[in-house]
């Protein structure tokens, strides 16, 4: 495989396409870009200067979800977008809810030390986002959608990692526990090979980022 994915394992946006590749039977472990993502060389590939960035030969593709879609299209293995139109739409919707409603409020949790005043609003926003996810998925599904891994699982697993990370200080785990269907999915997801490996790598990356 000629693909190179630039980024770090802490980032849920980097781990999304990593999980997608693994779910299809391929390893696409992220690597750091020599010189960093703000370097001229990196900006020449992606002027947004953010991660992840996928380079496949002479093709450079930024942004987590387009990368995930591309991986799903070009790599051999099970499709991560269901063939059924309604299931496919549900998968896209969960990813969209995560990106638009969950991610912005996770930022408030990340900034809890420097901006504690923003925590209540962030927690309320996270609870609302989890409610949206709970509403639009079938609580009886084994995976995020249906009975096999989809792009929704690849997007949600590395985000839900942070609910466990911040549980000790902010009790974020209670937000998930309040949504029984979602809590049951998360318990299964993090116990799976795909989820457990992701969590281990994000944990190691977070520990390294914090200086051990």
N, C-alpha and C. Protein backbone atom coordinates (compact mmCIF):
# COMPACT_ATOMS: atom_id res chain seq x y z
N UNK A 1 0.84 -1.19 0.00
CA UNK A 1 0.00 0.00 0.00
C UNK A 1 0.88 1.24 0.00
N UNK A 2 0.66 2.13 -0.95
CA UNK A 2 1.50 3.32 -1.09
C UNK A 2 1.00 4.50 -0.27
N UNK A 3 -0.14 4.36 0.36
CA UNK A 3 -0.70 5.47 1.11
C UNK A 3 0.13 5.81 2.33
N UNK A 4 0.22 7.11 2.60
CA UNK A 4 0.84 7.60 3.84
C UNK A 4 -0.17 8.53 4.50
N UNK A 5 -0.42 8.29 5.78
CA UNK A 5 -1.32 9.14 6.55
C UNK A 5 -0.50 9.92 7.56
N UNK A 6 -0.54 11.23 7.45
CA UNK A 6 0.20 12.09 8.37
C UNK A 6 -0.71 12.54 9.50
N UNK A 7 -0.18 12.45 10.72
CA UNK A 7 -0.94 12.87 11.89
C UNK A 7 -0.47 12.14 13.13
N UNK A 8 -1.14 12.39 14.24
CA UNK A 8 -0.80 11.75 15.51
C UNK A 8 -1.95 10.93 16.04
N UNK A 9 -1.63 9.93 16.85
CA UNK A 9 -2.65 8.97 17.29
C UNK A 9 -3.61 9.54 18.32
N UNK A 10 -3.29 10.66 18.95
CA UNK A 10 -4.24 11.25 19.91
C UNK A 10 -5.46 11.78 19.19
N UNK A 11 -5.27 12.31 18.01
CA UNK A 11 -6.35 12.97 17.29
C UNK A 11 -7.44 12.01 16.86
N UNK A 12 -8.70 12.27 17.25
CA UNK A 12 -9.79 11.41 16.77
C UNK A 12 -10.01 11.53 15.27
N UNK A 13 -9.59 12.66 14.69
CA UNK A 13 -9.75 12.85 13.25
C UNK A 13 -8.73 12.03 12.47
N UNK A 14 -7.57 11.85 13.04
CA UNK A 14 -6.56 10.99 12.43
C UNK A 14 -6.96 9.52 12.58
N UNK A 15 -7.46 9.18 13.76
CA UNK A 15 -7.78 7.78 14.03
C UNK A 15 -9.00 7.30 13.24
N UNK A 16 -9.85 8.20 12.79
CA UNK A 16 -11.02 7.79 12.01
C UNK A 16 -10.61 7.02 10.75
N UNK A 17 -9.77 7.58 9.88
CA UNK A 17 -9.36 6.79 8.71
C UNK A 17 -8.46 5.62 9.07
N UNK A 18 -7.72 5.71 10.17
CA UNK A 18 -6.93 4.57 10.61
C UNK A 18 -7.84 3.38 10.90
N UNK A 19 -8.92 3.64 11.62
CA UNK A 19 -9.87 2.57 11.95
C UNK A 19 -10.57 2.06 10.70
N UNK A 20 -10.88 2.97 9.79
CA UNK A 20 -11.53 2.55 8.55
C UNK A 20 -10.64 1.58 7.77
N UNK A 21 -9.36 1.92 7.66
CA UNK A 21 -8.43 1.02 6.96
C UNK A 21 -8.34 -0.33 7.66
N UNK A 22 -8.26 -0.31 8.98
CA UNK A 22 -8.15 -1.56 9.73
C UNK A 22 -9.41 -2.41 9.59
N UNK A 23 -10.56 -1.75 9.61
CA UNK A 23 -11.83 -2.48 9.47
C UNK A 23 -11.92 -3.16 8.11
N UNK A 24 -11.18 -2.64 7.14
CA UNK A 24 -11.16 -3.23 5.80
C UNK A 24 -10.01 -4.23 5.63
N UNK A 25 -9.22 -4.39 6.71
CA UNK A 25 -8.15 -5.39 6.68
C UNK A 25 -6.78 -4.85 6.33
N UNK A 26 -6.57 -3.53 6.49
CA UNK A 26 -5.29 -2.91 6.14
C UNK A 26 -4.76 -2.10 7.32
N UNK A 27 -3.46 -2.01 7.42
CA UNK A 27 -2.83 -1.15 8.42
C UNK A 27 -2.40 0.15 7.76
N UNK A 28 -2.84 1.25 8.31
CA UNK A 28 -2.47 2.57 7.82
C UNK A 28 -2.11 3.41 9.04
N UNK A 29 -0.98 3.10 9.64
CA UNK A 29 -0.58 3.77 10.86
C UNK A 29 -0.09 5.19 10.56
N UNK A 30 -0.56 6.17 11.32
CA UNK A 30 -0.17 7.55 11.05
C UNK A 30 1.29 7.81 11.39
N UNK A 31 1.88 8.72 10.65
CA UNK A 31 3.27 9.11 10.89
C UNK A 31 3.36 10.63 10.96
N UNK A 32 4.38 11.11 11.66
CA UNK A 32 4.60 12.55 11.75
C UNK A 32 5.23 13.06 10.45
N UNK A 33 4.87 14.26 10.07
CA UNK A 33 5.44 14.87 8.88
C UNK A 33 6.75 15.55 9.26
N UNK A 34 7.81 15.23 8.53
CA UNK A 34 9.11 15.82 8.83
C UNK A 34 9.04 17.33 8.63
N UNK A 35 9.36 18.06 9.67
CA UNK A 35 9.27 19.51 9.62
C UNK A 35 7.98 20.05 10.22
N UNK A 36 7.01 19.17 10.46
CA UNK A 36 5.78 19.59 11.10
C UNK A 36 4.71 20.05 10.12
N UNK A 37 3.47 20.13 10.63
CA UNK A 37 2.35 20.44 9.75
C UNK A 37 2.25 21.93 9.40
N UNK A 38 3.05 22.75 10.04
CA UNK A 38 3.06 24.17 9.69
C UNK A 38 4.20 24.53 8.74
N UNK A 39 4.96 23.52 8.35
CA UNK A 39 6.10 23.76 7.46
C UNK A 39 5.63 24.10 6.05
N UNK A 40 6.52 24.73 5.29
CA UNK A 40 6.19 25.07 3.90
C UNK A 40 5.92 23.81 3.08
N UNK A 41 6.67 22.75 3.36
CA UNK A 41 6.51 21.51 2.60
C UNK A 41 5.13 20.91 2.83
N UNK A 42 4.67 20.97 4.07
CA UNK A 42 3.34 20.45 4.37
C UNK A 42 2.26 21.34 3.76
N UNK A 43 2.44 22.65 3.88
CA UNK A 43 1.45 23.59 3.33
C UNK A 43 1.36 23.47 1.81
N UNK A 44 2.44 23.04 1.19
CA UNK A 44 2.40 22.84 -0.26
C UNK A 44 1.45 21.69 -0.63
N UNK A 45 1.30 20.75 0.29
CA UNK A 45 0.38 19.63 0.09
C UNK A 45 -1.03 19.98 0.56
N UNK A 46 -1.10 20.71 1.68
CA UNK A 46 -2.38 21.09 2.26
C UNK A 46 -2.26 22.45 2.91
N UNK A 47 -2.72 23.51 2.27
CA UNK A 47 -2.55 24.85 2.81
C UNK A 47 -3.30 25.09 4.12
N UNK A 48 -4.26 24.22 4.46
CA UNK A 48 -4.94 24.35 5.75
C UNK A 48 -4.00 24.04 6.92
N UNK A 49 -2.95 23.31 6.65
CA UNK A 49 -1.93 22.99 7.66
C UNK A 49 -2.53 22.31 8.89
N UNK A 50 -3.41 21.36 8.64
CA UNK A 50 -4.01 20.59 9.72
C UNK A 50 -3.82 19.11 9.42
N UNK A 51 -4.05 18.30 10.43
CA UNK A 51 -4.01 16.86 10.23
C UNK A 51 -5.41 16.29 10.46
N UNK A 52 -5.68 15.18 9.80
CA UNK A 52 -4.81 14.31 9.00
C UNK A 52 -4.65 14.78 7.56
N UNK A 53 -3.67 14.21 6.93
CA UNK A 53 -3.44 14.39 5.51
C UNK A 53 -3.05 13.04 4.94
N UNK A 54 -3.76 12.61 3.91
CA UNK A 54 -3.43 11.36 3.23
C UNK A 54 -2.70 11.68 1.94
N UNK A 55 -1.59 11.01 1.72
CA UNK A 55 -0.87 11.13 0.46
C UNK A 55 -0.83 9.75 -0.18
N UNK A 56 -1.40 9.66 -1.36
CA UNK A 56 -1.44 8.40 -2.12
C UNK A 56 -0.81 8.66 -3.47
N UNK A 57 0.49 8.38 -3.57
CA UNK A 57 1.22 8.72 -4.79
C UNK A 57 1.30 10.22 -4.95
N UNK A 58 0.76 10.74 -6.05
CA UNK A 58 0.79 12.19 -6.29
C UNK A 58 -0.52 12.86 -5.88
N UNK A 59 -1.35 12.14 -5.13
CA UNK A 59 -2.65 12.65 -4.70
C UNK A 59 -2.61 12.95 -3.21
N UNK A 60 -2.87 14.20 -2.85
CA UNK A 60 -2.89 14.62 -1.44
C UNK A 60 -4.31 14.99 -1.06
N UNK A 61 -4.80 14.42 0.04
CA UNK A 61 -6.18 14.62 0.46
C UNK A 61 -6.24 14.96 1.94
N UNK A 62 -6.73 16.15 2.31
CA UNK A 62 -6.90 16.49 3.71
C UNK A 62 -8.32 16.16 4.19
N UNK A 63 -8.54 16.39 5.46
CA UNK A 63 -9.85 16.27 6.10
C UNK A 63 -10.25 14.81 6.36
N UNK A 64 -10.61 14.55 7.60
CA UNK A 64 -10.85 13.20 8.09
C UNK A 64 -11.91 12.43 7.31
N UNK A 65 -13.08 13.04 7.10
CA UNK A 65 -14.14 12.28 6.46
C UNK A 65 -13.91 12.03 4.97
N UNK A 66 -13.44 13.01 4.18
CA UNK A 66 -13.08 12.69 2.80
C UNK A 66 -12.01 11.60 2.70
N UNK A 67 -11.06 11.60 3.63
CA UNK A 67 -10.04 10.55 3.63
C UNK A 67 -10.69 9.19 3.90
N UNK A 68 -11.60 9.16 4.86
CA UNK A 68 -12.29 7.91 5.19
C UNK A 68 -13.11 7.41 4.01
N UNK A 69 -13.80 8.31 3.35
CA UNK A 69 -14.57 7.92 2.16
C UNK A 69 -13.65 7.36 1.07
N UNK A 70 -12.52 8.00 0.88
CA UNK A 70 -11.57 7.56 -0.15
C UNK A 70 -11.03 6.16 0.18
N UNK A 71 -10.66 5.97 1.43
CA UNK A 71 -10.16 4.66 1.87
C UNK A 71 -11.22 3.59 1.64
N UNK A 72 -12.46 3.91 1.97
CA UNK A 72 -13.54 2.95 1.79
C UNK A 72 -13.75 2.61 0.31
N UNK A 73 -13.51 3.58 -0.54
CA UNK A 73 -13.69 3.38 -1.98
C UNK A 73 -12.55 2.60 -2.64
N UNK A 74 -11.31 2.85 -2.21
CA UNK A 74 -10.18 2.31 -2.97
C UNK A 74 -9.54 1.07 -2.36
N UNK A 75 -9.71 0.85 -1.07
CA UNK A 75 -9.09 -0.32 -0.46
C UNK A 75 -10.01 -1.52 -0.52
N UNK A 76 -9.43 -2.68 -0.75
CA UNK A 76 -10.20 -3.92 -0.74
C UNK A 76 -10.69 -4.20 0.67
N UNK A 77 -11.80 -4.91 0.77
CA UNK A 77 -12.33 -5.25 2.08
C UNK A 77 -13.79 -4.91 2.18
N UNK A 78 -14.40 -5.21 3.32
CA UNK A 78 -15.83 -4.94 3.48
C UNK A 78 -16.14 -3.45 3.39
N UNK A 79 -17.25 -3.14 2.76
CA UNK A 79 -17.67 -1.74 2.66
C UNK A 79 -18.12 -1.24 4.02
N UNK A 80 -17.73 -0.03 4.35
CA UNK A 80 -18.06 0.56 5.64
C UNK A 80 -19.24 1.51 5.55
N UNK A 81 -19.82 1.60 4.36
CA UNK A 81 -21.06 2.33 4.16
C UNK A 81 -22.08 1.30 3.67
N UNK A 82 -23.12 1.03 4.44
CA UNK A 82 -24.05 -0.05 4.08
C UNK A 82 -24.66 0.13 2.70
N UNK A 83 -24.99 -0.99 2.07
CA UNK A 83 -25.61 -0.96 0.75
C UNK A 83 -27.04 -0.45 0.82
N UNK A 84 -27.72 -0.73 1.92
CA UNK A 84 -29.09 -0.26 2.08
C UNK A 84 -29.11 1.26 2.20
N UNK A 85 -29.90 1.95 1.38
CA UNK A 85 -29.88 3.42 1.39
C UNK A 85 -30.20 4.04 2.75
N UNK A 86 -31.13 3.44 3.47
CA UNK A 86 -31.50 4.01 4.77
C UNK A 86 -30.38 3.81 5.79
N UNK A 87 -29.78 2.65 5.77
CA UNK A 87 -28.66 2.39 6.68
C UNK A 87 -27.46 3.26 6.34
N UNK A 88 -27.24 3.47 5.04
CA UNK A 88 -26.15 4.35 4.61
C UNK A 88 -26.42 5.78 5.08
N UNK A 89 -27.66 6.23 4.94
CA UNK A 89 -28.02 7.58 5.38
C UNK A 89 -27.86 7.71 6.89
N UNK A 90 -28.25 6.66 7.63
CA UNK A 90 -28.10 6.68 9.09
C UNK A 90 -26.63 6.76 9.49
N UNK A 91 -25.79 6.04 8.75
CA UNK A 91 -24.35 6.07 9.02
C UNK A 91 -23.80 7.47 8.79
N UNK A 92 -24.13 8.07 7.66
CA UNK A 92 -23.67 9.43 7.38
C UNK A 92 -24.18 10.42 8.42
N UNK A 93 -25.42 10.21 8.85
CA UNK A 93 -26.01 11.13 9.83
C UNK A 93 -25.28 11.07 11.16
N UNK A 94 -24.96 9.89 11.64
CA UNK A 94 -24.24 9.78 12.91
C UNK A 94 -22.88 10.46 12.84
N UNK A 95 -22.20 10.29 11.72
CA UNK A 95 -20.92 10.96 11.53
C UNK A 95 -21.10 12.47 11.53
N UNK A 96 -22.14 12.92 10.85
CA UNK A 96 -22.42 14.36 10.77
C UNK A 96 -22.77 14.94 12.14
N UNK A 97 -23.58 14.22 12.90
CA UNK A 97 -23.92 14.67 14.25
C UNK A 97 -22.66 14.77 15.11
N UNK A 98 -21.81 13.77 15.01
CA UNK A 98 -20.56 13.79 15.78
C UNK A 98 -19.73 15.02 15.44
N UNK A 99 -19.58 15.31 14.16
CA UNK A 99 -18.73 16.42 13.73
C UNK A 99 -19.33 17.78 14.07
N UNK A 100 -20.64 17.92 13.91
CA UNK A 100 -21.28 19.23 14.09
C UNK A 100 -21.72 19.51 15.52
N UNK A 101 -22.11 18.49 16.25
CA UNK A 101 -22.70 18.71 17.57
C UNK A 101 -21.84 18.22 18.73
N UNK A 102 -21.05 17.18 18.50
CA UNK A 102 -20.24 16.63 19.57
C UNK A 102 -18.87 17.29 19.66
N UNK A 103 -18.18 17.35 18.55
CA UNK A 103 -16.80 17.83 18.53
C UNK A 103 -16.64 19.24 19.10
N UNK A 104 -17.47 20.21 18.72
CA UNK A 104 -17.26 21.56 19.26
C UNK A 104 -17.30 21.63 20.78
N UNK A 105 -18.15 20.81 21.40
CA UNK A 105 -18.26 20.85 22.86
C UNK A 105 -17.15 20.05 23.54
N UNK A 106 -16.58 19.09 22.84
CA UNK A 106 -15.39 18.43 23.38
C UNK A 106 -14.26 19.44 23.55
N UNK A 107 -14.22 20.43 22.65
CA UNK A 107 -13.23 21.49 22.77
C UNK A 107 -13.32 22.20 24.11
N UNK A 108 -14.55 22.42 24.60
CA UNK A 108 -14.73 23.05 25.89
C UNK A 108 -14.20 22.21 27.03
N UNK A 109 -14.29 20.89 26.87
CA UNK A 109 -13.75 19.98 27.88
C UNK A 109 -12.22 20.01 27.84
N UNK A 110 -11.66 20.03 26.64
CA UNK A 110 -10.20 20.10 26.52
C UNK A 110 -9.64 21.36 27.18
N UNK A 111 -10.39 22.44 27.12
CA UNK A 111 -9.93 23.72 27.66
C UNK A 111 -10.40 23.95 29.10
N UNK A 112 -10.77 22.89 29.78
CA UNK A 112 -11.37 23.04 31.11
C UNK A 112 -10.43 23.67 32.13
N UNK A 113 -9.14 23.43 32.02
CA UNK A 113 -8.21 23.99 33.00
C UNK A 113 -8.03 25.49 32.82
N UNK A 114 -7.87 25.92 31.56
CA UNK A 114 -7.67 27.36 31.33
C UNK A 114 -8.98 28.13 31.28
N UNK A 115 -10.08 27.43 31.06
CA UNK A 115 -11.37 28.12 31.00
C UNK A 115 -12.43 27.31 31.72
N UNK A 116 -12.35 27.21 33.05
CA UNK A 116 -13.32 26.40 33.79
C UNK A 116 -14.74 26.93 33.68
N UNK A 117 -14.87 28.24 33.41
CA UNK A 117 -16.20 28.82 33.29
C UNK A 117 -16.98 28.25 32.10
N UNK A 118 -16.24 27.74 31.12
CA UNK A 118 -16.89 27.20 29.94
C UNK A 118 -17.34 25.75 30.06
N UNK A 119 -16.98 25.10 31.16
CA UNK A 119 -17.27 23.68 31.31
C UNK A 119 -18.77 23.37 31.37
N UNK A 120 -19.57 24.10 32.15
CA UNK A 120 -21.01 23.77 32.20
C UNK A 120 -21.67 23.79 30.82
N UNK A 121 -21.37 24.78 30.02
CA UNK A 121 -21.95 24.86 28.67
C UNK A 121 -21.46 23.71 27.80
N UNK A 122 -20.18 23.35 27.95
CA UNK A 122 -19.63 22.23 27.18
C UNK A 122 -20.31 20.92 27.57
N UNK A 123 -20.50 20.72 28.85
CA UNK A 123 -21.14 19.49 29.33
C UNK A 123 -22.59 19.41 28.85
N UNK A 124 -23.27 20.55 28.88
CA UNK A 124 -24.66 20.57 28.40
C UNK A 124 -24.71 20.28 26.90
N UNK A 125 -23.77 20.83 26.17
CA UNK A 125 -23.71 20.58 24.73
C UNK A 125 -23.39 19.14 24.41
N UNK A 126 -22.50 18.54 25.18
CA UNK A 126 -22.18 17.13 24.98
C UNK A 126 -23.38 16.24 25.26
N UNK A 127 -24.09 16.55 26.33
CA UNK A 127 -25.29 15.77 26.67
C UNK A 127 -26.32 15.86 25.55
N UNK A 128 -26.49 17.05 25.00
CA UNK A 128 -27.44 17.22 23.91
C UNK A 128 -27.01 16.43 22.68
N UNK A 129 -25.71 16.49 22.36
CA UNK A 129 -25.20 15.76 21.19
C UNK A 129 -25.37 14.25 21.36
N UNK A 130 -25.11 13.76 22.55
CA UNK A 130 -25.30 12.33 22.81
C UNK A 130 -26.77 11.95 22.67
N UNK A 131 -27.65 12.86 23.08
CA UNK A 131 -29.08 12.62 22.89
C UNK A 131 -29.44 12.50 21.43
N UNK A 132 -28.83 13.33 20.60
CA UNK A 132 -29.08 13.25 19.15
C UNK A 132 -28.61 11.90 18.61
N UNK A 133 -27.43 11.47 19.03
CA UNK A 133 -26.91 10.18 18.57
C UNK A 133 -27.82 9.05 19.02
N UNK A 134 -28.25 9.11 20.27
CA UNK A 134 -29.13 8.07 20.80
C UNK A 134 -30.45 8.01 20.03
N UNK A 135 -30.97 9.18 19.72
CA UNK A 135 -32.26 9.25 19.03
C UNK A 135 -32.21 8.62 17.64
N UNK A 136 -31.12 8.85 16.94
CA UNK A 136 -31.07 8.46 15.53
C UNK A 136 -30.42 7.10 15.28
N UNK A 137 -30.09 6.36 16.33
CA UNK A 137 -29.60 5.01 16.10
C UNK A 137 -30.55 4.01 16.74
N UNK A 138 -30.54 2.81 16.23
CA UNK A 138 -31.33 1.72 16.77
C UNK A 138 -30.60 1.14 17.97
N UNK A 139 -31.21 1.26 19.13
CA UNK A 139 -30.54 0.82 20.35
C UNK A 139 -30.21 -0.66 20.33
N UNK A 140 -30.92 -1.43 19.51
CA UNK A 140 -30.67 -2.86 19.44
C UNK A 140 -29.55 -3.25 18.50
N UNK A 141 -29.01 -2.30 17.74
CA UNK A 141 -27.92 -2.60 16.82
C UNK A 141 -26.64 -2.92 17.59
N UNK A 142 -25.92 -3.92 17.13
CA UNK A 142 -24.66 -4.28 17.78
C UNK A 142 -23.58 -3.23 17.57
N UNK A 143 -23.59 -2.64 16.37
CA UNK A 143 -22.62 -1.61 16.05
C UNK A 143 -23.34 -0.26 15.98
N UNK A 144 -22.64 0.77 15.61
CA UNK A 144 -23.28 2.08 15.56
C UNK A 144 -24.51 2.05 14.68
N UNK A 145 -24.39 1.37 13.55
CA UNK A 145 -25.51 1.13 12.64
C UNK A 145 -25.44 -0.33 12.20
N UNK A 146 -26.47 -1.09 12.49
CA UNK A 146 -26.53 -2.46 11.99
C UNK A 146 -25.67 -3.45 12.76
N UNK A 147 -25.29 -4.51 12.06
CA UNK A 147 -24.59 -5.63 12.70
C UNK A 147 -23.15 -5.80 12.22
N UNK A 148 -22.58 -4.74 11.67
CA UNK A 148 -21.17 -4.78 11.29
C UNK A 148 -20.58 -3.37 11.40
N UNK A 149 -19.27 -3.30 11.39
CA UNK A 149 -18.59 -2.01 11.51
C UNK A 149 -18.93 -1.11 10.32
N UNK A 150 -19.21 0.15 10.61
CA UNK A 150 -19.43 1.14 9.56
C UNK A 150 -18.53 2.34 9.81
N UNK A 151 -18.61 3.28 8.90
CA UNK A 151 -17.86 4.52 9.08
C UNK A 151 -18.26 5.24 10.37
N UNK A 152 -19.49 5.03 10.82
CA UNK A 152 -19.93 5.67 12.05
C UNK A 152 -19.13 5.17 13.25
N UNK A 153 -18.87 3.87 13.31
CA UNK A 153 -18.03 3.35 14.40
C UNK A 153 -16.63 3.95 14.33
N UNK A 154 -16.11 4.07 13.13
CA UNK A 154 -14.75 4.61 12.95
C UNK A 154 -14.67 6.07 13.41
N UNK A 155 -15.76 6.80 13.26
CA UNK A 155 -15.79 8.19 13.70
C UNK A 155 -16.02 8.31 15.20
N UNK A 156 -16.89 7.47 15.74
CA UNK A 156 -17.31 7.63 17.13
C UNK A 156 -16.32 7.06 18.14
N UNK A 157 -15.70 5.93 17.84
CA UNK A 157 -14.81 5.30 18.82
C UNK A 157 -13.71 6.25 19.29
N UNK A 158 -12.96 6.91 18.40
CA UNK A 158 -11.89 7.77 18.88
C UNK A 158 -12.39 9.04 19.56
N UNK A 159 -13.64 9.42 19.35
CA UNK A 159 -14.22 10.55 20.07
C UNK A 159 -14.67 10.13 21.47
N UNK A 160 -15.31 8.98 21.56
CA UNK A 160 -15.80 8.51 22.86
C UNK A 160 -14.65 8.19 23.81
N UNK A 161 -13.48 7.94 23.27
CA UNK A 161 -12.28 7.77 24.11
C UNK A 161 -12.16 8.89 25.13
N UNK A 162 -12.49 10.12 24.73
CA UNK A 162 -12.30 11.26 25.60
C UNK A 162 -13.35 11.35 26.71
N UNK A 163 -14.48 10.70 26.53
CA UNK A 163 -15.44 10.63 27.64
C UNK A 163 -14.86 9.83 28.79
N UNK A 164 -14.09 8.81 28.47
CA UNK A 164 -13.42 8.04 29.52
C UNK A 164 -12.23 8.81 30.10
N UNK A 165 -11.50 9.51 29.24
CA UNK A 165 -10.32 10.25 29.69
C UNK A 165 -10.69 11.32 30.72
N UNK A 166 -11.76 12.04 30.46
CA UNK A 166 -12.13 13.15 31.33
C UNK A 166 -13.15 12.76 32.41
N UNK A 167 -13.44 11.48 32.52
CA UNK A 167 -14.44 11.06 33.49
C UNK A 167 -14.00 11.34 34.92
N UNK A 168 -12.73 11.10 35.21
CA UNK A 168 -12.26 11.28 36.59
C UNK A 168 -12.39 12.72 37.05
N UNK A 169 -12.08 13.66 36.17
CA UNK A 169 -12.09 15.08 36.57
C UNK A 169 -13.44 15.75 36.35
N UNK A 170 -14.17 15.33 35.30
CA UNK A 170 -15.40 16.03 34.95
C UNK A 170 -16.64 15.14 34.92
N UNK A 171 -16.47 13.85 35.21
CA UNK A 171 -17.59 12.90 35.23
C UNK A 171 -18.30 12.83 33.88
N UNK A 172 -17.52 12.88 32.82
CA UNK A 172 -18.10 12.81 31.47
C UNK A 172 -18.69 11.43 31.17
N UNK A 173 -18.21 10.41 31.86
CA UNK A 173 -18.76 9.08 31.64
C UNK A 173 -20.24 8.99 31.98
N UNK A 174 -20.67 9.81 32.92
CA UNK A 174 -22.09 9.81 33.31
C UNK A 174 -22.97 10.28 32.16
N UNK A 175 -22.42 11.13 31.30
CA UNK A 175 -23.20 11.60 30.15
C UNK A 175 -23.52 10.45 29.21
N UNK A 176 -22.55 9.56 29.02
CA UNK A 176 -22.77 8.39 28.17
C UNK A 176 -23.69 7.40 28.87
N UNK A 177 -23.45 7.18 30.16
CA UNK A 177 -24.25 6.22 30.92
C UNK A 177 -25.73 6.58 30.92
N UNK A 178 -26.03 7.87 30.80
CA UNK A 178 -27.43 8.32 30.80
C UNK A 178 -28.16 7.95 29.52
N UNK A 179 -27.45 7.46 28.52
CA UNK A 179 -28.04 7.04 27.25
C UNK A 179 -27.81 5.53 27.11
N UNK A 180 -28.73 4.70 27.57
CA UNK A 180 -28.47 3.25 27.68
C UNK A 180 -28.05 2.58 26.37
N UNK A 181 -28.72 2.91 25.28
CA UNK A 181 -28.35 2.29 24.01
C UNK A 181 -26.94 2.65 23.59
N UNK A 182 -26.60 3.91 23.75
CA UNK A 182 -25.28 4.40 23.39
C UNK A 182 -24.22 3.83 24.34
N UNK A 183 -24.56 3.74 25.62
CA UNK A 183 -23.63 3.18 26.60
C UNK A 183 -23.34 1.72 26.29
N UNK A 184 -24.36 0.98 25.88
CA UNK A 184 -24.15 -0.43 25.54
C UNK A 184 -23.28 -0.56 24.30
N UNK A 185 -23.51 0.31 23.31
CA UNK A 185 -22.66 0.30 22.11
C UNK A 185 -21.21 0.58 22.51
N UNK A 186 -20.99 1.59 23.35
CA UNK A 186 -19.63 1.98 23.73
C UNK A 186 -18.93 0.85 24.48
N UNK A 187 -19.64 0.17 25.35
CA UNK A 187 -19.04 -0.95 26.07
C UNK A 187 -18.58 -2.03 25.09
N UNK A 188 -19.41 -2.33 24.11
CA UNK A 188 -19.02 -3.33 23.10
C UNK A 188 -17.88 -2.82 22.24
N UNK A 189 -17.96 -1.57 21.84
CA UNK A 189 -16.96 -1.01 20.92
C UNK A 189 -15.57 -1.01 21.53
N UNK A 190 -15.46 -0.58 22.78
CA UNK A 190 -14.12 -0.49 23.36
C UNK A 190 -13.57 -1.84 23.79
N UNK A 191 -14.44 -2.85 23.84
CA UNK A 191 -13.97 -4.20 24.13
C UNK A 191 -13.58 -4.95 22.87
N UNK A 192 -13.96 -4.42 21.72
CA UNK A 192 -13.63 -5.07 20.45
C UNK A 192 -12.14 -4.89 20.13
N UNK A 193 -11.62 -5.72 19.25
CA UNK A 193 -10.22 -5.60 18.85
C UNK A 193 -9.95 -4.22 18.25
N UNK A 194 -10.87 -3.77 17.39
CA UNK A 194 -10.70 -2.48 16.74
C UNK A 194 -10.68 -1.35 17.76
N UNK A 195 -11.63 -1.38 18.68
CA UNK A 195 -11.73 -0.32 19.68
C UNK A 195 -10.61 -0.36 20.69
N UNK A 196 -10.28 -1.54 21.18
CA UNK A 196 -9.24 -1.66 22.20
C UNK A 196 -7.89 -1.18 21.68
N UNK A 197 -7.58 -1.52 20.43
CA UNK A 197 -6.31 -1.08 19.85
C UNK A 197 -6.29 0.44 19.69
N UNK A 198 -7.41 0.99 19.26
CA UNK A 198 -7.51 2.44 19.10
C UNK A 198 -7.30 3.15 20.44
N UNK A 199 -7.98 2.67 21.47
CA UNK A 199 -7.88 3.29 22.79
C UNK A 199 -6.46 3.19 23.33
N UNK A 200 -5.82 2.05 23.14
CA UNK A 200 -4.44 1.89 23.61
C UNK A 200 -3.51 2.88 22.92
N UNK A 201 -3.71 3.08 21.62
CA UNK A 201 -2.84 3.99 20.88
C UNK A 201 -3.12 5.45 21.25
N UNK A 202 -4.39 5.79 21.41
CA UNK A 202 -4.71 7.16 21.82
C UNK A 202 -4.18 7.43 23.23
N UNK A 203 -4.30 6.45 24.10
CA UNK A 203 -3.80 6.60 25.48
C UNK A 203 -2.30 6.82 25.49
N UNK A 204 -1.58 6.02 24.69
CA UNK A 204 -0.13 6.17 24.61
C UNK A 204 0.26 7.53 24.04
N UNK A 205 -0.49 7.95 23.00
CA UNK A 205 -0.21 9.26 22.41
C UNK A 205 -0.48 10.39 23.38
N UNK A 206 -1.55 10.27 24.17
CA UNK A 206 -1.87 11.30 25.15
C UNK A 206 -0.82 11.35 26.25
N UNK A 207 -0.36 10.19 26.68
CA UNK A 207 0.67 10.14 27.70
C UNK A 207 1.96 10.79 27.21
N UNK A 208 2.32 10.51 25.97
CA UNK A 208 3.53 11.12 25.39
C UNK A 208 3.37 12.63 25.25
N UNK A 209 2.18 13.07 24.86
CA UNK A 209 1.93 14.50 24.70
C UNK A 209 2.03 15.23 26.03
N UNK A 210 1.62 14.54 27.09
CA UNK A 210 1.67 15.15 28.43
C UNK A 210 3.04 15.00 29.08
N UNK A 211 3.95 14.41 28.36
CA UNK A 211 5.30 14.28 28.87
C UNK A 211 5.54 13.05 29.71
N UNK A 212 4.77 11.99 29.39
CA UNK A 212 4.97 10.73 30.09
C UNK A 212 4.13 10.60 31.34
